[in-house]
């Protein structure tokens, strides 16, 4: 265990798999007590069990980020269990079939999870973190929060991730003088369950995703987690209101 976060508590949404699970496990390896949350209670519990089996301290909680009461309850439970909250990684998000066709139902669900879900989390996390003396929050946006292409031309997803970057900046500016930093990571194609499913659908889909980056590959969730956890650490103490692009160079092309 490394002691980056000794005595601190980290709250992670979407921790049931992918980037969220990688982030929760890395927080624990760096010394944090972790509250791993997911809309799927069993997946959150599994992540917590993996952390405990590796010698860390964690609990798994069900949390639906689209439900303000669910978010408030999970954060209250985290504080009750560990005495405070210092860091949050708001990672829960979706990309839904049908978004490319401008389907209204799909768009509303996408915005509810990706954008309003982050807003719900920030609303309840900020006062708790300030009460604990300050800390840092990282939100998961996306490369699609900066640019689009034929491969990622989904209107609601792109709009939601642009919005996450905006929320990040507002929360950062409002709380900068109070000891709370807020940043975002903006992943390119990353090997989550969703991306793996797309890649396995056809050789063409695999090539398209691999070629999004000039590095010619898809990132691993752990690569995204390293950036998020670093942004929460004291080593990033002067990084604030920043949207960190993690795309293997795609944005430069």
Protein backbone atom coordinates (compact mmCIF):
# COMPACT_ATOMS: atom_id res chain seq x y z
CA UNK A 1 0.00 0.00 0.00
CA UNK A 2 1.22 3.49 -0.83
CA UNK A 3 0.26 6.31 1.51
CA UNK A 4 -0.91 8.98 -0.92
CA UNK A 5 -4.36 8.99 0.68
CA UNK A 6 -3.69 7.74 4.20
CA UNK A 7 -6.59 8.73 6.45
CA UNK A 8 -8.71 9.87 3.51
CA UNK A 9 -11.96 8.57 2.10
CA UNK A 10 -12.71 8.23 -1.63
CA UNK A 11 -16.20 7.83 -3.14
CA UNK A 12 -16.38 6.25 -6.60
CA UNK A 13 -19.45 5.96 -8.83
CA UNK A 14 -19.74 3.42 -11.62
CA UNK A 15 -17.29 1.31 -9.62
CA UNK A 16 -18.78 -2.03 -10.64
CA UNK A 17 -16.46 -2.50 -13.61
CA UNK A 18 -14.21 -0.76 -16.12
CA UNK A 19 -12.64 2.58 -15.27
CA UNK A 20 -14.62 2.93 -12.05
CA UNK A 21 -13.49 -0.42 -10.67
CA UNK A 22 -9.90 0.31 -11.69
CA UNK A 23 -10.12 3.70 -9.98
CA UNK A 24 -11.59 2.28 -6.77
CA UNK A 25 -8.88 -0.39 -6.55
CA UNK A 26 -6.13 2.13 -7.23
CA UNK A 27 -7.42 4.53 -4.57
CA UNK A 28 -7.26 1.66 -2.11
CA UNK A 29 -3.73 0.68 -3.16
CA UNK A 30 -2.72 4.28 -2.57
CA UNK A 31 -4.06 4.17 0.99
CA UNK A 32 -7.64 5.49 0.79
CA UNK A 33 -10.68 3.95 2.41
CA UNK A 34 -12.98 3.44 -0.55
CA UNK A 35 -16.72 3.64 -0.99
CA UNK A 36 -17.37 1.75 -4.24
CA UNK A 37 -20.82 2.49 -5.64
CA UNK A 38 -22.74 1.29 -8.66
CA UNK A 39 -26.35 1.10 -9.76
CA UNK A 40 -25.81 -2.68 -9.55
CA UNK A 41 -25.40 -3.46 -5.86
CA UNK A 42 -23.75 -6.83 -6.52
CA UNK A 43 -21.11 -5.27 -8.78
CA UNK A 44 -20.28 -2.62 -6.18
CA UNK A 45 -19.99 -5.32 -3.52
CA UNK A 46 -17.69 -7.35 -5.77
CA UNK A 47 -15.36 -4.38 -6.25
CA UNK A 48 -15.25 -3.79 -2.50
CA UNK A 49 -14.49 -7.49 -1.93
CA UNK A 50 -11.58 -7.34 -4.37
CA UNK A 51 -10.17 -4.36 -2.48
CA UNK A 52 -10.52 -6.05 0.89
CA UNK A 53 -8.96 -9.26 -0.44
CA UNK A 54 -5.93 -7.22 -1.53
CA UNK A 55 -5.53 -5.75 1.96
CA UNK A 56 -7.45 -2.51 1.49
CA UNK A 57 -10.49 -1.07 3.22
CA UNK A 58 -13.74 -0.62 1.30
CA UNK A 59 -17.49 -0.93 1.30
CA UNK A 60 -19.78 -1.45 -1.68
CA UNK A 61 -23.05 0.46 -1.95
CA UNK A 62 -25.88 0.66 -4.45
CA UNK A 63 -26.19 4.15 -5.92
CA UNK A 64 -28.31 5.34 -8.82
CA UNK A 65 -26.79 8.66 -9.84
CA UNK A 66 -30.01 9.68 -11.59
CA UNK A 67 -31.84 9.55 -8.25
CA UNK A 68 -30.91 12.46 -5.98
CA UNK A 69 -32.11 10.64 -2.88
CA UNK A 70 -30.00 7.60 -3.77
CA UNK A 71 -26.91 9.77 -4.16
CA UNK A 72 -27.57 11.61 -0.92
CA UNK A 73 -28.11 8.33 0.92
CA UNK A 74 -24.92 6.72 -0.39
CA UNK A 75 -22.81 9.74 0.51
CA UNK A 76 -24.38 9.94 3.97
CA UNK A 77 -23.65 6.23 4.47
CA UNK A 78 -20.04 6.79 3.42
CA UNK A 79 -19.62 9.59 5.94
CA UNK A 80 -21.34 7.59 8.67
CA UNK A 81 -19.03 4.64 8.03
CA UNK A 82 -15.72 6.47 7.70
CA UNK A 83 -16.30 9.82 9.39
CA UNK A 84 -15.89 12.08 6.39
CA UNK A 85 -15.33 12.43 2.66
CA UNK A 86 -12.22 13.80 0.95
CA UNK A 87 -12.26 12.61 -2.66
CA UNK A 88 -14.78 11.60 -5.30
CA UNK A 89 -14.45 10.03 -8.71
CA UNK A 90 -17.73 10.60 -10.54
CA UNK A 91 -17.35 8.01 -13.24
CA UNK A 92 -20.82 6.53 -13.82
CA UNK A 93 -21.94 6.96 -17.41
CA UNK A 94 -23.64 5.33 -20.38
CA UNK A 95 -23.58 5.21 -24.16
CA UNK A 96 -26.91 3.89 -25.38
CA UNK A 97 -27.94 2.29 -28.68
CA UNK A 98 -30.16 4.64 -30.65
CA UNK A 99 -28.38 7.82 -29.68
CA UNK A 100 -26.98 8.17 -33.18
CA UNK A 101 -30.54 8.42 -34.50
CA UNK A 102 -31.45 11.35 -32.24
CA UNK A 103 -33.97 9.25 -30.33
CA UNK A 104 -35.52 11.46 -27.63
CA UNK A 105 -36.02 8.72 -25.05
CA UNK A 106 -32.42 7.59 -25.41
CA UNK A 107 -31.18 11.17 -25.28
CA UNK A 108 -33.02 11.94 -22.06
CA UNK A 109 -31.71 8.79 -20.38
CA UNK A 110 -28.16 9.56 -21.53
CA UNK A 111 -28.34 13.09 -20.18
CA UNK A 112 -29.90 11.91 -16.92
CA UNK A 113 -26.99 9.55 -16.23
CA UNK A 114 -24.02 11.34 -17.74
CA UNK A 115 -24.80 14.97 -16.95
CA UNK A 116 -27.46 15.23 -14.26
CA UNK A 117 -25.90 12.25 -12.49
CA UNK A 118 -22.65 14.19 -12.10
CA UNK A 119 -24.61 17.25 -10.97
CA UNK A 120 -26.42 15.19 -8.32
CA UNK A 121 -23.11 13.86 -7.05
CA UNK A 122 -21.44 17.26 -6.91
CA UNK A 123 -24.41 18.76 -5.09
CA UNK A 124 -23.97 16.34 -2.20
CA UNK A 125 -20.21 15.76 -2.31
CA UNK A 126 -19.02 19.34 -2.22
CA UNK A 127 -20.40 20.28 1.23
CA UNK A 128 -19.20 17.00 2.71
CA UNK A 129 -15.68 17.45 1.37
CA UNK A 130 -15.54 21.07 2.52
CA UNK A 131 -16.71 19.97 5.97
CA UNK A 132 -13.82 17.51 6.08
CA UNK A 133 -11.30 20.27 5.36
CA UNK A 134 -11.09 20.06 1.58
CA UNK A 135 -9.98 17.61 -1.04
CA UNK A 136 -10.48 16.90 -4.73
CA UNK A 137 -13.08 15.60 -7.16
CA UNK A 138 -12.61 14.11 -10.61
CA UNK A 139 -15.45 13.73 -13.11
CA UNK A 140 -15.32 11.43 -16.12
CA UNK A 141 -16.02 13.35 -19.32
CA UNK A 142 -14.76 12.06 -22.68
CA UNK A 143 -12.79 12.87 -25.79
CA UNK A 144 -16.29 13.38 -27.19
CA UNK A 145 -16.53 16.39 -24.89
CA UNK A 146 -14.05 18.10 -27.22
CA UNK A 147 -14.49 16.64 -30.68
CA UNK A 148 -16.67 14.28 -32.64
CA UNK A 149 -16.09 12.00 -35.59
CA UNK A 150 -17.98 9.41 -37.59
CA UNK A 151 -16.94 6.85 -34.98
CA UNK A 152 -18.35 8.78 -32.01
CA UNK A 153 -21.14 10.84 -33.58
CA UNK A 154 -23.76 10.38 -30.86
CA UNK A 155 -25.53 13.68 -30.10
CA UNK A 156 -26.71 13.13 -26.52
CA UNK A 157 -23.49 11.43 -25.45
CA UNK A 158 -21.37 14.22 -26.92
CA UNK A 159 -23.61 16.93 -25.44
CA UNK A 160 -23.56 15.27 -22.02
CA UNK A 161 -19.77 15.05 -21.97
CA UNK A 162 -19.39 18.68 -23.08
CA UNK A 163 -21.70 19.43 -20.17
CA UNK A 164 -19.58 17.48 -17.70
CA UNK A 165 -16.59 19.63 -18.62
CA UNK A 166 -18.72 22.73 -18.01
CA UNK A 167 -19.93 21.47 -14.63
CA UNK A 168 -16.34 20.66 -13.69
CA UNK A 169 -15.19 24.20 -14.41
CA UNK A 170 -18.06 25.82 -12.51
CA UNK A 171 -17.60 23.63 -9.42
CA UNK A 172 -13.84 24.21 -9.54
CA UNK A 173 -14.12 28.00 -9.69
CA UNK A 174 -16.78 28.18 -7.00
CA UNK A 175 -14.73 26.14 -4.53
CA UNK A 176 -11.12 26.92 -5.41
CA UNK A 177 -10.57 29.28 -2.49
CA UNK A 178 -12.20 26.83 -0.08
CA UNK A 179 -9.67 24.04 -0.52
CA UNK A 180 -11.54 21.90 -3.04
CA UNK A 181 -10.18 21.18 -6.52
CA UNK A 182 -12.40 19.78 -9.29
CA UNK A 183 -11.04 18.34 -12.54
CA UNK A 184 -12.14 15.96 -15.28
CA UNK A 185 -10.58 13.16 -17.25
CA UNK A 186 -11.52 12.82 -20.92
CA UNK A 187 -10.85 9.24 -22.04
CA UNK A 188 -10.51 8.17 -25.61
CA UNK A 189 -11.44 4.60 -26.55
CA UNK A 190 -10.90 2.46 -23.44
CA UNK A 191 -11.38 -1.27 -22.96
CA UNK A 192 -14.55 -1.22 -20.91
CA UNK A 193 -17.23 -3.89 -21.25
CA UNK A 194 -19.14 -1.63 -23.62
CA UNK A 195 -16.15 -1.01 -25.88
CA UNK A 196 -15.17 -4.68 -25.81
CA UNK A 197 -18.65 -5.62 -26.98
CA UNK A 198 -18.40 -3.19 -29.90
CA UNK A 199 -14.92 -4.42 -30.82
CA UNK A 200 -16.09 -8.01 -30.84
CA UNK A 201 -19.04 -7.21 -33.09
CA UNK A 202 -16.92 -7.09 -36.26
CA UNK A 203 -13.34 -6.70 -37.51
CA UNK A 204 -14.31 -3.31 -38.93
CA UNK A 205 -15.52 -2.07 -35.55
CA UNK A 206 -12.30 -3.24 -33.91
CA UNK A 207 -10.16 -1.45 -36.49
CA UNK A 208 -12.21 1.74 -36.18
CA UNK A 209 -11.74 1.92 -32.42
CA UNK A 210 -8.08 0.98 -32.55
CA UNK A 211 -7.42 3.62 -35.20
CA UNK A 212 -9.01 6.44 -33.20
CA UNK A 213 -5.60 6.91 -31.61
CA UNK A 214 -2.32 7.28 -33.53
CA UNK A 215 -0.94 4.80 -30.99
CA UNK A 216 -3.07 2.20 -32.78
CA UNK A 217 -4.65 0.65 -29.72
CA UNK A 218 -7.43 1.01 -27.18
CA UNK A 219 -6.48 2.09 -23.66
CA UNK A 220 -6.82 -0.06 -20.57
CA UNK A 221 -9.07 1.10 -17.70
CA UNK A 222 -6.06 1.24 -15.38
CA UNK A 223 -4.49 3.92 -17.57
CA UNK A 224 -7.53 6.14 -17.02
CA UNK A 225 -7.59 5.35 -13.31
CA UNK A 226 -3.98 6.40 -12.86
CA UNK A 227 -4.80 9.86 -14.20
CA UNK A 228 -7.94 10.26 -12.10
CA UNK A 229 -6.24 9.20 -8.88
CA UNK A 230 -3.26 11.46 -9.59
CA UNK A 231 -5.60 14.42 -10.09
CA UNK A 232 -7.06 13.73 -6.64
CA UNK A 233 -3.63 13.52 -5.04
CA UNK A 234 -1.53 16.26 -3.46
CA UNK A 235 0.88 15.89 -6.37
CA UNK A 236 -1.72 17.67 -8.49
CA UNK A 237 -2.21 20.41 -5.89
CA UNK A 238 -2.22 23.29 -8.43
CA UNK A 239 -4.31 21.52 -11.08
CA UNK A 240 -7.86 22.84 -11.03
CA UNK A 241 -10.76 23.25 -13.49
CA UNK A 242 -8.81 21.15 -15.99
CA UNK A 243 -10.15 18.60 -18.47
CA UNK A 244 -7.31 16.13 -19.00
CA UNK A 245 -7.48 14.41 -22.38
CA UNK A 246 -6.32 10.78 -22.29
CA UNK A 247 -6.59 9.73 -25.91
CA UNK A 248 -3.18 8.50 -27.05
CA UNK A 249 -2.81 11.58 -29.25
CA UNK A 250 -6.12 11.41 -31.15
CA UNK A 251 -6.99 15.06 -30.49
CA UNK A 252 -3.72 16.18 -32.10
CA UNK A 253 -4.57 14.64 -35.47
